[in-house]
C-alpha atoms as a PDB file:
ATOM      1  CA  MET A   1     266.959  75.356  90.027  1.00  0.00           C
ATOM      2  CA  ASP A   2     263.350  76.523  89.994  1.00  0.00           C
ATOM      3  CA  GLN A   3     260.662  75.154  92.031  1.00  0.00           C
ATOM      4  CA  CYS A   4     257.144  74.745  91.196  1.00  0.00           C
ATOM      5  CA  ASP A   5     254.763  76.786  92.903  1.00  0.00           C
ATOM      6  CA  LEU A   6     252.150  73.986  94.208  1.00  0.00           C
ATOM      7  CA  PHE A   7     249.423  76.642  95.219  1.00  0.00           C
ATOM      8  CA  GLY A   8     249.612  78.475  91.671  1.00  0.00           C
ATOM      9  CA  ASP A   9     247.726  78.240  88.151  1.00  0.00           C
ATOM     10  CA  PRO A  10     247.422  75.052  87.392  1.00  0.00           C
ATOM     11  CA  LEU A  11     248.917  74.005  84.357  1.00  0.00           C
ATOM     12  CA  PRO A  12     246.835  73.509  81.020  1.00  0.00           C
ATOM     13  CA  PRO A  13     245.401  70.456  80.204  1.00  0.00           C
ATOM     14  CA  PRO A  14     248.033  68.442  77.660  1.00  0.00           C
ATOM     15  CA  GLU A  15     246.254  68.394  73.888  1.00  0.00           C
ATOM     16  CA  PRO A  16     244.541  64.928  73.157  1.00  0.00           C
ATOM     17  CA  GLU A  17     246.546  62.472  71.129  1.00  0.00           C
ATOM     18  CA  GLN A  18     245.225  61.438  67.799  1.00  0.00           C
ATOM     19  CA  VAL A  19     244.022  58.471  67.172  1.00  0.00           C
ATOM     20  CA  VAL A  20     244.320  56.590  63.714  1.00  0.00           C
ATOM     21  CA  GLU A  21     241.952  53.612  63.302  1.00  0.00           C
ATOM     22  CA  LEU A  22     243.710  51.069  60.951  1.00  0.00           C
ATOM     23  CA  HIS A  23     242.270  48.452  58.717  1.00  0.00           C
ATOM     24  CA  LEU A  24     243.141  45.217  59.923  1.00  0.00           C
ATOM     25  CA  PRO A  25     243.246  42.682  56.989  1.00  0.00           C
ATOM     26  CA  PRO A  26     241.305  39.710  57.995  1.00  0.00           C
ATOM     27  CA  LEU A  27     243.006  36.439  59.327  1.00  0.00           C
ATOM     28  CA  ALA A  28     242.173  32.875  58.582  1.00  0.00           C
ATOM     29  CA  ALA A  29     240.874  30.346  61.058  1.00  0.00           C
ATOM     30  CA  PRO A  30     242.058  28.019  62.195  1.00  0.00           C
ATOM     31  CA  CYS A  31     245.614  28.409  60.149  1.00  0.00           C
ATOM     32  CA  GLY A  32     246.389  31.942  60.279  1.00  0.00           C
ATOM     33  CA  PHE A  33     247.259  31.684  56.669  1.00  0.00           C
ATOM     34  CA  ARG A  34     250.226  28.697  57.271  1.00  0.00           C
ATOM     35  CA  ASN A  35     249.689  25.177  55.636  1.00  0.00           C
ATOM     36  CA  ARG A  36     250.179  21.968  57.865  1.00  0.00           C
ATOM     37  CA  SER A  37     254.543  22.697  57.298  1.00  0.00           C
ATOM     38  CA  ASN A  38     254.129  26.370  58.490  1.00  0.00           C
ATOM     39  CA  ASN A  39     254.439  27.883  55.236  1.00  0.00           C
ATOM     40  CA  PRO A  40     252.243  30.769  53.480  1.00  0.00           C
ATOM     41  CA  CYS A  41     249.269  29.013  52.166  1.00  0.00           C
ATOM     42  CA  GLN A  42     247.712  29.662  49.283  1.00  0.00           C
ATOM     43  CA  ARG A  43     245.129  32.241  51.220  1.00  0.00           C
ATOM     44  CA  LEU A  44     241.693  30.445  49.686  1.00  0.00           C
ATOM     45  CA  ALA A  45     239.885  31.779  52.805  1.00  0.00           C
ATOM     46  CA  ARG A  46     237.294  33.520  51.359  1.00  0.00           C
ATOM     47  CA  ASP A  47     233.752  33.038  53.676  1.00  0.00           C
ATOM     48  CA  PRO A  48     233.461  34.845  57.410  1.00  0.00           C
ATOM     49  CA  VAL A  49     233.222  32.876  60.403  1.00  0.00           C
ATOM     50  CA  ARG A  50     229.906  33.060  61.922  1.00  0.00           C
ATOM     51  CA  LEU A  51     227.616  32.228  65.158  1.00  0.00           C
ATOM     52  CA  ASP A  52     224.399  32.956  65.451  1.00  0.00           C
ATOM     53  CA  GLY A  53     224.213  35.044  62.020  1.00  0.00           C
ATOM     54  CA  ARG A  54     227.220  37.645  63.118  1.00  0.00           C
ATOM     55  CA  GLU A  55     230.843  37.597  61.809  1.00  0.00           C
ATOM     56  CA  LEU A  56     233.304  36.606  64.386  1.00  0.00           C
ATOM     57  CA  ARG A  57     236.150  39.197  65.028  1.00  0.00           C
ATOM     58  CA  SER A  58     239.620  38.484  67.050  1.00  0.00           C
ATOM     59  CA  HIS A  59     241.165  41.860  67.885  1.00  0.00           C
ATOM     60  CA  GLY A  60     239.253  43.822  65.358  1.00  0.00           C
ATOM     61  CA  ARG A  61     240.074  41.410  62.480  1.00  0.00           C
ATOM     62  CA  LEU A  62     237.730  39.319  60.393  1.00  0.00           C
ATOM     63  CA  LEU A  63     237.952  35.756  60.844  1.00  0.00           C
ATOM     64  CA  LEU A  64     237.756  34.064  57.564  1.00  0.00           C
ATOM     65  CA  HIS A  65     237.099  30.480  57.137  1.00  0.00           C
ATOM     66  CA  CYS A  66     240.016  28.170  55.627  1.00  0.00           C
ATOM     67  CA  PRO A  67     239.401  25.331  53.414  1.00  0.00           C
ATOM     68  CA  MET A  68     241.309  22.097  54.576  1.00  0.00           C
ATOM     69  CA  GLU A  69     242.087  21.582  50.793  1.00  0.00           C
ATOM     70  CA  CYS A  70     243.924  24.913  50.969  1.00  0.00           C
ATOM     71  CA  PHE A  71     245.968  23.669  54.838  1.00  0.00           C
ATOM     72  CA  ASN A  72     246.724  19.962  53.135  1.00  0.00           C
ATOM     73  CA  GLY A  73     247.787  21.406  49.824  1.00  0.00           C
ATOM     74  CA  ALA A  74     250.449  22.739  48.514  1.00  0.00           C
ATOM     75  CA  SER A  75     252.461  26.253  49.779  1.00  0.00           C
ATOM     76  CA  ALA A  76     251.968  29.551  48.344  1.00  0.00           C
ATOM     77  CA  GLU A  77     255.717  29.363  47.286  1.00  0.00           C
ATOM     78  CA  GLU A  78     254.715  25.825  45.708  1.00  0.00           C
ATOM     79  CA  THR A  79     252.349  27.490  42.974  1.00  0.00           C
ATOM     80  CA  PRO A  80     253.088  30.592  41.333  1.00  0.00           C
ATOM     81  CA  THR A  81     249.782  31.730  40.441  1.00  0.00           C
ATOM     82  CA  PHE A  82     248.887  31.744  44.322  1.00  0.00           C
ATOM     83  CA  ALA A  83     252.543  33.497  45.050  1.00  0.00           C
ATOM     84  CA  GLU A  84     251.322  36.605  43.072  1.00  0.00           C
ATOM     85  CA  ALA A  85     247.874  36.945  44.912  1.00  0.00           C
ATOM     86  CA  ALA A  86     249.377  36.244  48.420  1.00  0.00           C
ATOM     87  CA  GLU A  87     251.708  39.825  47.577  1.00  0.00           C
END
């Protein structure tokens, strides 16, 4: 068993880890892309949520305003054209 010398030369510093920036997809507000039945919605949210002209973000994700028609309407599984667009 070897013992380290506390008064010897210090070990070289570890190499810094590379940080990978990921592009996060937008998030619909207030529903999170779920309809009132908690199924995937039609994903009609397009307009960014703004406050004083600035786009709002949640943990780096752009918030998009989801219209009530999407929240109250059919789910993406029930509407084939929207199901293809959601994939």
